[in-house]
N, C-alpha and C. Protein backbone atom coordinates (compact mmCIF):
# COMPACT_ATOMS: atom_id res chain seq x y z
N MET A 1 256.55 83.65 121.57
CA MET A 1 255.85 82.66 122.33
C MET A 1 255.90 81.63 121.33
N ILE A 2 256.17 80.31 121.66
CA ILE A 2 256.33 79.22 121.32
C ILE A 2 255.25 78.31 121.48
N GLY A 3 254.36 78.27 120.48
CA GLY A 3 253.09 77.67 120.57
C GLY A 3 252.81 76.49 119.78
N ARG A 4 254.28 75.79 119.03
CA ARG A 4 253.75 74.28 118.53
C ARG A 4 255.56 73.97 117.86
N ILE A 5 255.86 73.13 118.18
CA ILE A 5 257.21 72.57 117.68
C ILE A 5 257.11 71.08 117.54
N ARG A 6 257.97 70.79 116.68
CA ARG A 6 257.84 69.44 115.71
C ARG A 6 259.58 68.99 115.70
N GLY A 7 259.75 68.02 116.05
CA GLY A 7 260.98 67.62 115.80
C GLY A 7 261.19 65.95 116.10
N ILE A 8 262.41 65.33 116.24
CA ILE A 8 262.93 64.33 116.46
C ILE A 8 263.31 64.11 118.20
N LEU A 9 262.07 63.09 118.49
CA LEU A 9 261.94 62.28 120.21
C LEU A 9 263.37 62.09 120.14
N LEU A 10 263.82 62.53 120.94
CA LEU A 10 265.45 62.13 121.55
C LEU A 10 265.59 61.54 122.84
N GLU A 11 265.11 61.92 123.59
CA GLU A 11 264.85 60.90 125.02
C GLU A 11 263.11 61.35 125.51
N LYS A 12 263.02 60.45 126.47
CA LYS A 12 261.58 60.97 127.51
C LYS A 12 261.54 59.86 128.62
N GLN A 13 261.50 60.86 129.86
CA GLN A 13 261.82 60.21 130.80
C GLN A 13 260.87 61.03 131.62
N ALA A 14 259.73 60.43 131.89
CA ALA A 14 258.80 61.06 132.49
C ALA A 14 258.98 62.21 133.57
N PRO A 15 258.62 63.35 133.55
CA PRO A 15 257.76 64.11 132.73
C PRO A 15 258.31 64.96 131.64
N PHE A 16 259.63 64.82 131.61
CA PHE A 16 260.59 65.23 130.62
C PHE A 16 260.76 64.58 129.54
N LEU A 17 260.99 65.52 128.48
CA LEU A 17 261.44 64.71 127.22
C LEU A 17 262.37 65.98 126.67
N LEU A 18 263.14 65.27 125.24
CA LEU A 18 264.10 65.98 124.66
C LEU A 18 264.05 66.16 123.11
N LEU A 19 263.50 67.22 122.44
CA LEU A 19 263.21 67.04 120.82
C LEU A 19 264.33 67.90 120.55
N ASP A 20 264.96 66.97 119.07
CA ASP A 20 265.47 67.13 118.09
C ASP A 20 264.95 68.52 117.36
N VAL A 21 264.70 69.47 117.00
CA VAL A 21 264.44 70.17 115.98
C VAL A 21 265.96 71.24 115.18
N GLN A 22 265.62 70.71 114.11
CA GLN A 22 267.06 71.03 113.19
C GLN A 22 268.06 71.07 114.19
N GLY A 23 268.98 70.17 114.88
CA GLY A 23 269.71 70.38 115.90
C GLY A 23 269.83 71.21 117.15
N VAL A 24 268.99 71.81 117.14
CA VAL A 24 268.68 72.35 118.45
C VAL A 24 267.56 71.50 119.74
N GLY A 25 268.47 70.97 121.01
CA GLY A 25 267.64 69.77 121.43
C GLY A 25 266.53 70.60 122.70
N TYR A 26 265.43 70.28 122.44
CA TYR A 26 264.36 71.55 123.20
C TYR A 26 263.77 70.23 124.46
N GLU A 27 264.07 70.55 125.76
CA GLU A 27 263.94 70.20 126.55
C GLU A 27 262.37 70.66 127.60
N ILE A 28 261.53 69.52 127.42
CA ILE A 28 260.07 69.81 127.39
C ILE A 28 259.27 69.04 128.53
N GLN A 29 258.56 69.60 129.12
CA GLN A 29 257.55 69.17 130.64
C GLN A 29 256.20 68.52 129.84
N ALA A 30 256.11 67.53 130.10
CA ALA A 30 254.75 67.38 129.69
C ALA A 30 253.89 65.76 130.33
N SER A 31 252.60 65.87 130.43
CA SER A 31 251.58 65.17 131.24
C SER A 31 251.84 64.15 130.97
N LEU A 32 251.45 63.06 131.75
CA LEU A 32 251.56 61.73 131.66
C LEU A 32 250.72 61.35 130.72
N THR A 33 249.37 61.89 130.76
CA THR A 33 248.37 61.77 129.28
C THR A 33 249.28 62.18 127.95
N THR A 34 249.99 63.03 127.88
CA THR A 34 250.72 63.32 126.85
C THR A 34 251.71 62.38 126.83
N PHE A 35 252.88 62.43 127.56
CA PHE A 35 254.00 61.52 127.58
C PHE A 35 253.52 59.66 126.70
N PHE A 36 252.40 59.35 127.45
CA PHE A 36 252.06 58.06 126.87
C PHE A 36 251.71 57.85 125.36
N GLU A 37 251.26 58.96 125.06
CA GLU A 37 251.02 59.59 123.37
C GLU A 37 252.07 59.27 122.61
N LEU A 38 253.19 59.81 123.07
CA LEU A 38 254.34 59.67 122.41
C LEU A 38 254.98 58.93 121.51
N PRO A 39 255.59 59.28 120.26
CA PRO A 39 256.08 57.71 119.61
C PRO A 39 257.55 56.96 120.01
N ASP A 40 257.98 56.57 119.80
CA ASP A 40 258.90 55.66 120.11
C ASP A 40 260.17 56.67 120.01
N ILE A 41 261.26 56.72 120.75
CA ILE A 41 262.73 57.49 120.58
C ILE A 41 263.09 57.35 118.79
N ASP A 42 263.96 58.28 118.31
CA ASP A 42 264.11 58.69 117.08
C ASP A 42 263.05 58.57 116.28
N GLN A 43 261.57 59.12 116.58
CA GLN A 43 260.48 59.14 115.77
C GLN A 43 259.98 60.63 115.85
N PRO A 44 259.64 61.12 114.87
CA PRO A 44 258.86 62.74 114.52
C PRO A 44 257.54 62.49 115.64
N ALA A 45 257.84 63.80 116.15
CA ALA A 45 256.82 64.11 117.14
C ALA A 45 256.43 65.41 116.95
N THR A 46 255.09 66.18 117.40
CA THR A 46 254.43 67.50 117.43
C THR A 46 253.69 67.59 118.74
N LEU A 47 254.43 69.04 119.22
CA LEU A 47 253.81 69.09 120.13
C LEU A 47 253.04 70.66 120.16
N HIS A 48 251.62 70.68 120.83
CA HIS A 48 251.49 72.30 121.46
C HIS A 48 252.36 72.72 122.25
N THR A 49 252.70 74.01 122.67
CA THR A 49 253.37 73.97 123.57
C THR A 49 253.01 75.32 124.52
N HIS A 50 253.28 75.62 125.67
CA HIS A 50 253.40 76.41 126.35
C HIS A 50 254.57 77.23 126.74
N PHE A 51 254.85 78.48 126.91
CA PHE A 51 256.33 78.47 127.01
C PHE A 51 256.37 79.73 128.56
N VAL A 52 256.62 79.31 129.15
CA VAL A 52 256.74 80.37 130.32
C VAL A 52 258.38 80.98 130.79
N VAL A 53 258.80 82.33 131.20
CA VAL A 53 259.57 82.90 131.48
C VAL A 53 259.67 83.32 132.65
N ARG A 54 260.50 82.74 133.60
CA ARG A 54 261.00 83.50 135.29
C ARG A 54 261.76 83.99 135.13
N GLU A 55 262.37 84.85 136.22
CA GLU A 55 263.65 85.04 136.56
C GLU A 55 264.91 84.16 136.13
N ASP A 56 264.50 82.85 136.82
CA ASP A 56 265.67 82.29 136.80
C ASP A 56 265.25 81.05 135.90
N ALA A 57 264.51 80.95 134.84
CA ALA A 57 264.18 79.65 133.90
C ALA A 57 263.34 80.17 133.08
N GLN A 58 263.69 79.73 131.81
CA GLN A 58 262.56 79.35 130.52
C GLN A 58 262.07 78.15 130.32
N LEU A 59 260.78 77.91 130.75
CA LEU A 59 260.14 76.17 130.64
C LEU A 59 259.25 76.39 129.98
N LEU A 60 259.55 75.10 128.92
CA LEU A 60 258.85 74.60 127.93
C LEU A 60 257.37 73.45 127.94
N TYR A 61 256.58 73.75 128.00
CA TYR A 61 255.19 72.23 128.52
C TYR A 61 254.62 72.14 127.09
N GLY A 62 254.82 70.70 126.91
CA GLY A 62 253.87 70.35 125.50
C GLY A 62 252.93 69.52 126.23
N PHE A 63 251.96 69.43 124.97
CA PHE A 63 250.83 69.19 125.23
C PHE A 63 250.36 68.38 123.25
N SER A 64 249.84 67.02 123.67
CA SER A 64 249.35 65.94 122.35
C SER A 64 248.21 66.78 121.62
N SER A 65 246.97 67.74 122.69
CA SER A 65 245.94 67.97 122.17
C SER A 65 245.87 69.53 122.09
N LEU A 66 245.48 70.39 121.82
CA LEU A 66 245.20 71.85 122.28
C LEU A 66 244.08 71.93 123.48
N GLY A 67 243.19 70.97 123.39
CA GLY A 67 242.20 70.56 124.55
C GLY A 67 243.22 71.01 125.59
N GLU A 68 243.87 69.99 126.16
CA GLU A 68 244.94 69.88 127.03
C GLU A 68 245.85 71.14 127.26
N ARG A 69 246.12 71.79 126.54
CA ARG A 69 246.87 73.03 126.28
C ARG A 69 245.74 74.32 127.08
N GLN A 70 244.52 74.19 126.38
CA GLN A 70 243.71 75.27 126.91
C GLN A 70 243.54 75.00 128.16
N LEU A 71 243.28 73.32 128.83
CA LEU A 71 243.09 73.22 130.17
C LEU A 71 244.27 73.48 131.09
N PHE A 72 245.48 73.25 130.39
CA PHE A 72 246.73 73.87 131.32
C PHE A 72 246.74 75.02 131.53
N ARG A 73 246.17 76.07 130.36
CA ARG A 73 246.58 77.59 130.68
C ARG A 73 245.59 78.08 131.53
N GLU A 74 244.19 77.35 131.59
CA GLU A 74 243.09 77.77 132.54
C GLU A 74 243.29 77.50 133.84
N LEU A 75 243.87 76.30 134.23
CA LEU A 75 244.70 75.98 135.32
C LEU A 75 245.57 76.99 135.86
N ILE A 76 246.41 77.36 135.50
CA ILE A 76 247.35 78.15 136.12
C ILE A 76 246.90 79.96 136.88
N LYS A 77 245.51 80.00 135.60
CA LYS A 77 245.18 81.04 136.30
C LYS A 77 244.51 81.11 137.38
N VAL A 78 244.34 79.91 138.12
CA VAL A 78 243.72 79.83 139.26
C VAL A 78 244.62 80.30 140.74
N ASN A 79 244.40 81.01 141.65
CA ASN A 79 245.08 81.39 142.40
C ASN A 79 245.90 80.07 143.25
N GLY A 80 246.80 79.77 143.32
CA GLY A 80 247.77 79.06 143.88
C GLY A 80 248.23 77.67 142.87
N VAL A 81 247.44 77.65 141.85
CA VAL A 81 248.22 76.92 141.26
C VAL A 81 248.84 77.21 139.99
N GLY A 82 250.60 76.52 140.16
CA GLY A 82 251.58 77.34 139.02
C GLY A 82 251.53 75.91 138.04
N PRO A 83 252.04 76.18 136.94
CA PRO A 83 252.47 74.83 135.78
C PRO A 83 252.73 73.86 136.49
N LYS A 84 253.65 73.44 137.35
CA LYS A 84 254.20 71.75 137.88
C LYS A 84 252.87 71.49 138.83
N MET A 85 251.99 72.33 139.57
CA MET A 85 250.63 71.57 139.62
C MET A 85 249.66 71.18 138.82
N ALA A 86 249.22 72.13 137.72
CA ALA A 86 249.07 71.96 136.84
C ALA A 86 249.49 70.73 135.84
N LEU A 87 250.38 70.49 136.07
CA LEU A 87 250.76 69.44 135.06
C LEU A 87 250.61 67.97 135.88
N ALA A 88 250.66 67.91 137.11
CA ALA A 88 250.48 67.16 138.06
C ALA A 88 248.76 66.73 138.15
N ILE A 89 248.05 67.69 137.52
CA ILE A 89 246.52 67.69 137.75
C ILE A 89 246.45 66.87 136.23
N LEU A 90 246.93 67.35 135.63
CA LEU A 90 246.95 66.87 133.95
C LEU A 90 247.62 65.30 134.06
N SER A 91 248.27 64.83 134.77
CA SER A 91 248.74 63.48 134.42
C SER A 91 247.74 62.75 135.67
N GLY A 92 247.21 63.30 136.65
CA GLY A 92 247.03 62.41 137.25
C GLY A 92 244.90 62.10 136.72
N MET A 93 244.73 62.79 136.09
CA MET A 93 243.46 62.07 135.11
C MET A 93 243.40 63.18 133.95
N ASN A 94 242.75 62.56 133.33
CA ASN A 94 242.77 63.69 131.45
C ASN A 94 241.91 64.65 131.57
N ALA A 95 241.94 65.34 130.25
CA ALA A 95 240.94 66.61 130.82
C ALA A 95 239.51 66.29 131.10
N ALA A 96 239.06 65.23 130.22
CA ALA A 96 237.44 65.06 130.51
C ALA A 96 236.89 64.82 132.10
N GLU A 97 237.85 64.07 132.32
CA GLU A 97 237.80 63.65 133.82
C GLU A 97 237.91 64.36 134.59
N PHE A 98 238.80 65.58 134.67
CA PHE A 98 239.00 66.83 135.34
C PHE A 98 237.68 67.57 135.39
N VAL A 99 237.41 67.65 134.11
CA VAL A 99 235.91 68.17 133.56
C VAL A 99 234.43 68.04 134.22
N ASN A 100 234.83 66.29 134.57
CA ASN A 100 234.02 65.96 135.42
C ASN A 100 233.40 66.20 136.78
N CYS A 101 235.21 66.38 137.43
CA CYS A 101 235.33 66.19 138.59
C CYS A 101 234.56 67.96 139.09
N VAL A 102 235.04 68.97 138.03
CA VAL A 102 234.46 69.93 137.89
C VAL A 102 233.10 70.66 138.33
N LYS A 103 232.37 69.73 137.27
CA LYS A 103 231.01 70.06 137.26
C LYS A 103 230.40 69.25 138.25
N GLY A 104 231.00 67.75 138.77
CA GLY A 104 230.15 67.36 140.00
C GLY A 104 230.62 67.85 141.47
N LYS A 105 231.42 68.65 141.36
CA LYS A 105 232.05 69.39 142.40
C LYS A 105 232.65 68.38 143.44
N ASP A 106 233.64 67.51 142.76
CA ASP A 106 233.95 65.90 143.18
C ASP A 106 235.58 66.71 143.80
N ILE A 107 235.47 67.36 144.94
CA ILE A 107 236.70 67.57 145.76
C ILE A 107 237.32 66.75 146.35
N ALA A 108 236.77 65.49 146.74
CA ALA A 108 237.19 64.44 147.53
C ALA A 108 238.57 63.86 146.32
N THR A 109 238.18 63.37 145.06
CA THR A 109 239.22 62.91 144.14
C THR A 109 240.05 63.89 143.94
N LEU A 110 239.88 65.50 143.33
CA LEU A 110 240.78 66.37 143.48
C LEU A 110 242.04 66.30 144.67
N VAL A 111 241.59 66.07 145.79
CA VAL A 111 242.78 66.23 146.82
C VAL A 111 243.15 65.30 147.13
N ARG A 112 243.26 64.04 146.04
CA ARG A 112 244.10 62.76 146.43
C ARG A 112 245.18 62.78 145.19
N LEU A 113 245.16 63.74 144.19
CA LEU A 113 245.95 64.44 143.26
C LEU A 113 247.42 64.99 144.37
N PRO A 114 248.57 64.60 144.16
CA PRO A 114 249.58 65.13 144.75
C PRO A 114 249.81 66.36 144.44
N GLY A 115 250.00 67.38 146.03
CA GLY A 115 250.04 68.58 145.94
C GLY A 115 248.64 69.59 145.85
N VAL A 116 247.42 68.39 145.52
CA VAL A 116 246.39 69.34 146.17
C VAL A 116 245.75 69.22 147.02
N GLY A 117 245.59 70.54 147.61
CA GLY A 117 245.03 70.76 149.18
C GLY A 117 243.65 70.92 149.12
N LYS A 118 242.36 71.02 150.13
CA LYS A 118 241.09 71.06 150.07
C LYS A 118 241.12 72.29 149.96
N LYS A 119 241.78 73.28 150.01
CA LYS A 119 241.53 74.73 149.79
C LYS A 119 241.88 75.23 148.15
N THR A 120 242.75 73.96 147.62
CA THR A 120 243.28 74.13 146.33
C THR A 120 241.79 73.90 145.52
N ALA A 121 241.89 72.23 146.09
CA ALA A 121 240.73 71.87 145.40
C ALA A 121 239.28 72.49 145.71
N GLU A 122 238.65 73.00 146.37
CA GLU A 122 237.64 73.97 146.05
C GLU A 122 237.55 75.32 145.27
N ARG A 123 239.11 75.84 145.58
CA ARG A 123 239.26 77.19 144.72
C ARG A 123 239.05 76.38 143.05
N LEU A 124 239.34 75.32 142.65
CA LEU A 124 239.57 74.85 141.34
C LEU A 124 238.14 74.44 140.94
N VAL A 125 237.23 73.99 141.74
CA VAL A 125 235.64 73.74 141.88
C VAL A 125 235.16 75.11 141.61
N VAL A 126 235.18 76.21 142.12
CA VAL A 126 234.37 77.39 142.11
C VAL A 126 234.93 78.24 140.94
N GLU A 127 236.21 78.52 140.49
CA GLU A 127 237.08 78.79 139.16
C GLU A 127 236.82 78.53 138.14
N MET A 128 236.57 77.23 138.06
CA MET A 128 237.00 76.60 136.71
C MET A 128 235.59 76.07 136.51
N HIS A 129 234.82 76.42 137.02
CA HIS A 129 233.25 75.50 136.97
C HIS A 129 232.43 76.15 135.97
N ASP A 130 232.84 77.66 135.46
CA ASP A 130 231.81 78.55 134.32
C ASP A 130 232.94 77.69 133.07
N ARG A 131 233.84 77.73 133.33
CA ARG A 131 234.87 77.77 132.46
C ARG A 131 234.53 76.28 131.57
N VAL A 132 234.61 75.66 132.26
CA VAL A 132 234.52 74.24 131.62
C VAL A 132 233.58 73.96 130.80
N GLU A 133 232.46 74.70 131.18
CA GLU A 133 230.96 74.46 130.32
C GLU A 133 231.49 74.92 128.63
N LYS A 134 232.35 75.91 128.44
CA LYS A 134 232.79 76.32 127.11
C LYS A 134 233.45 75.74 126.27
N TRP A 135 234.03 74.85 126.88
CA TRP A 135 235.00 73.92 126.28
C TRP A 135 234.72 72.96 125.32
N ALA A 136 235.36 72.75 124.20
CA ALA A 136 235.36 71.38 123.28
C ALA A 136 236.22 70.90 123.44
N LEU A 137 236.70 69.93 124.81
CA LEU A 137 238.09 69.46 124.73
C LEU A 137 237.96 68.45 123.69
N ALA A 138 239.31 68.13 123.51
CA ALA A 138 240.23 67.02 122.83
C ALA A 138 239.86 65.44 123.74
N SER A 139 238.98 64.84 122.81
CA SER A 139 239.11 62.89 123.26
C SER A 139 240.44 62.97 123.89
N ASP A 140 240.74 62.04 124.48
CA ASP A 140 241.59 61.44 125.33
C ASP A 140 242.46 59.96 124.82
N THR A 141 243.33 59.72 124.24
CA THR A 141 243.41 58.63 123.64
C THR A 141 245.02 58.14 124.22
N THR A 142 244.85 56.70 124.02
CA THR A 142 246.47 56.63 124.46
C THR A 142 247.21 55.54 123.49
N VAL A 143 248.23 55.52 123.30
CA VAL A 143 248.46 54.58 122.52
C VAL A 143 249.57 53.09 123.67
N ALA A 144 248.73 52.55 123.57
CA ALA A 144 249.21 51.30 125.10
C ALA A 144 250.86 50.52 124.31
N SER A 145 251.47 50.42 125.33
CA SER A 145 252.44 49.32 124.75
C SER A 145 252.64 48.01 125.74
N PRO A 146 253.03 47.03 125.26
CA PRO A 146 252.66 45.76 126.17
C PRO A 146 253.29 45.71 127.60
N GLN A 147 253.13 45.41 128.41
CA GLN A 147 253.63 45.60 130.02
C GLN A 147 254.91 44.29 129.92
N GLY A 148 255.89 44.70 130.74
CA GLY A 148 256.45 44.20 131.17
C GLY A 148 257.44 44.64 132.75
N SER A 149 258.39 44.17 132.99
CA SER A 149 259.16 44.57 133.89
C SER A 149 259.38 46.26 133.79
N GLY A 150 259.85 46.75 132.42
CA GLY A 150 259.89 47.87 131.70
C GLY A 150 258.55 48.91 132.12
N ALA A 151 257.19 48.45 131.73
CA ALA A 151 256.27 49.11 131.67
C ALA A 151 256.16 49.38 133.45
N VAL A 152 256.01 48.11 134.52
CA VAL A 152 255.93 48.28 135.66
C VAL A 152 257.27 49.61 136.20
N GLN A 153 258.31 49.44 135.89
CA GLN A 153 259.55 50.36 136.05
C GLN A 153 259.18 51.71 135.93
N GLU A 154 258.70 52.02 134.71
CA GLU A 154 258.39 53.23 134.11
C GLU A 154 257.08 53.69 134.90
N ALA A 155 256.23 53.05 135.25
CA ALA A 155 254.69 53.54 136.14
C ALA A 155 255.07 54.26 137.32
N GLU A 156 255.88 53.11 138.04
CA GLU A 156 256.64 53.56 138.91
C GLU A 156 257.20 54.70 139.07
N SER A 157 258.63 55.24 137.93
CA SER A 157 258.64 56.27 138.04
C SER A 157 257.75 57.49 137.74
N ALA A 158 256.82 57.48 136.93
CA ALA A 158 255.85 58.51 136.63
C ALA A 158 255.40 58.84 137.90
N LEU A 159 255.00 57.99 138.57
CA LEU A 159 254.17 58.53 140.06
C LEU A 159 255.08 59.16 140.96
N VAL A 160 256.45 58.60 140.92
CA VAL A 160 257.65 59.52 142.00
C VAL A 160 257.46 61.15 141.43
N SER A 161 258.01 60.94 139.73
CA SER A 161 257.54 62.60 138.93
C SER A 161 256.48 63.00 139.57
N LEU A 162 255.61 62.60 139.71
CA LEU A 162 253.86 63.34 140.18
C LEU A 162 254.30 63.72 142.03
N GLY A 163 255.36 63.12 142.52
CA GLY A 163 255.39 63.33 143.98
C GLY A 163 254.73 62.61 144.89
N TYR A 164 254.89 61.31 144.51
CA TYR A 164 254.51 60.15 145.05
C TYR A 164 256.38 59.77 145.98
N LYS A 165 256.21 59.12 146.96
CA LYS A 165 257.40 58.73 147.41
C LYS A 165 257.44 57.16 146.74
N GLU A 166 258.77 57.11 146.74
CA GLU A 166 258.87 55.60 145.91
C GLU A 166 258.46 54.35 146.46
N PRO A 167 257.99 53.88 147.91
CA PRO A 167 257.96 52.97 148.34
C PRO A 167 255.91 52.62 148.03
N GLU A 168 255.60 53.97 148.29
CA GLU A 168 254.20 54.72 148.04
C GLU A 168 253.83 54.47 146.25
N ALA A 169 254.48 54.61 144.97
CA ALA A 169 254.75 54.69 144.25
C ALA A 169 254.54 52.85 143.80
N ALA A 170 255.46 52.42 144.70
CA ALA A 170 255.48 51.07 144.26
C ALA A 170 254.74 49.79 144.35
N LYS A 171 254.00 50.26 146.01
CA LYS A 171 253.11 49.82 146.37
C LYS A 171 251.14 49.83 145.50
N MET A 172 251.26 50.79 144.98
CA MET A 172 250.18 51.38 144.12
C MET A 172 250.46 50.53 142.76
N ILE A 173 251.70 50.63 142.20
CA ILE A 173 251.80 50.03 140.89
C ILE A 173 251.45 48.61 141.12
N GLY A 174 252.03 48.14 142.26
CA GLY A 174 251.96 46.81 142.58
C GLY A 174 250.35 46.24 142.79
N ALA A 175 249.75 46.98 143.46
CA ALA A 175 248.25 46.27 143.76
C ALA A 175 247.37 46.27 142.26
N VAL A 176 248.00 46.98 140.93
CA VAL A 176 247.32 47.04 140.19
C VAL A 176 247.73 46.21 139.20
N SER A 177 249.25 45.58 139.14
CA SER A 177 249.88 45.15 137.97
C SER A 177 249.30 43.55 138.08
N ALA A 178 249.05 43.05 139.34
CA ALA A 178 248.83 41.55 138.97
C ALA A 178 247.67 41.54 138.44
N ASP A 179 246.81 42.24 137.94
CA ASP A 179 245.16 41.96 137.58
C ASP A 179 245.16 42.81 136.42
N ASN A 180 246.08 43.37 135.89
CA ASN A 180 246.45 43.76 134.59
C ASN A 180 247.72 43.51 134.21
N LYS A 181 247.76 42.27 133.79
CA LYS A 181 249.06 42.00 133.54
C LYS A 181 249.60 42.41 131.98
N GLU A 182 248.59 42.99 131.15
CA GLU A 182 248.63 43.03 129.59
C GLU A 182 248.89 44.83 129.16
N ALA A 183 248.60 44.95 130.72
CA ALA A 183 248.52 46.39 130.74
C ALA A 183 249.74 47.32 130.39
N SER A 184 249.85 48.51 129.57
CA SER A 184 250.82 49.40 129.32
C SER A 184 251.16 50.18 130.81
N SER A 185 252.18 50.81 131.00
CA SER A 185 252.45 51.76 131.94
C SER A 185 251.71 52.69 132.09
N ALA A 186 250.95 53.55 130.97
CA ALA A 186 250.10 54.58 130.65
C ALA A 186 248.86 53.73 131.80
N GLU A 187 248.34 52.57 131.18
CA GLU A 187 246.99 52.28 131.91
C GLU A 187 247.54 51.50 133.24
N LEU A 188 248.46 51.44 133.72
CA LEU A 188 248.97 50.76 134.93
C LEU A 188 248.90 52.16 135.95
N ILE A 189 249.34 53.05 135.40
CA ILE A 189 249.45 54.35 136.44
C ILE A 189 247.96 54.76 136.37
N ARG A 190 246.87 54.95 135.21
CA ARG A 190 245.52 55.38 135.16
C ARG A 190 245.17 54.49 136.83
N ALA A 191 244.84 53.03 136.44
CA ALA A 191 244.40 52.22 137.19
C ALA A 191 244.70 52.33 138.62
N ALA A 192 246.52 52.78 139.06
CA ALA A 192 246.42 53.09 140.89
C ALA A 192 245.97 54.30 140.76
N LEU A 193 245.90 55.26 140.38
CA LEU A 193 245.61 56.40 140.33
C LEU A 193 243.64 56.23 141.19
N LYS A 194 242.89 55.65 139.99
CA LYS A 194 241.89 55.71 140.32
C LYS A 194 241.51 54.72 141.25
N ASN A 195 242.52 53.74 141.21
CA ASN A 195 242.35 52.49 142.87
C ASN A 195 242.49 53.42 144.08
N LYS A 196 243.25 54.57 143.86
CA LYS A 196 243.93 54.75 145.08
C LYS A 196 242.61 55.68 145.41
N ALA A 197 242.17 56.82 144.36
CA ALA A 197 240.91 57.58 144.57
C ALA A 197 240.03 56.76 145.23
N ALA A 198 239.92 55.34 145.15
CA ALA A 198 238.31 54.95 145.48
C ALA A 198 238.64 54.41 146.84
N LYS A 199 239.61 54.61 147.25
CA LYS A 199 239.82 54.35 148.86
C LYS A 199 239.24 55.68 149.95
């Protein structure tokens, strides 16, 4: 089991990143919460990891905090929730927001996440309710970067990686970018997802 990895960040294109560890490039999938906390290219990065071995693939998932990795591991224990969906959930909301949804039995917000249907949302609320009470989840922090055309494009690309269609992603970001001209791509994504959830 690979539990932690440190290296030089070579590439990042949500949700994938490439980390050079003494000449070996590790392809890692990360949530948007973690993705937007990453340093710049060619800078050192450390991630807590979860390693998945399947018949057809070996997959490495990376997280900026132990709390997020803990939540990911609990999510994939829920019937019908695999690593891809767990990553989408953690990309659509941070750990604290997810815990609030579970405690408040807010199924309506959960079903707005890509890939999460009503039955899955109900299972999440039922199966996760007792577990979240015991967690000491890490606080969510985001390193902001100035918004520009690149931030808008990066935000749209990230939403597409979550499962939204390109026109829908562009519409979602367009609806919030005009009023958030100084926002980073991470802030645009959060604003877009919250705006969609409010409708």
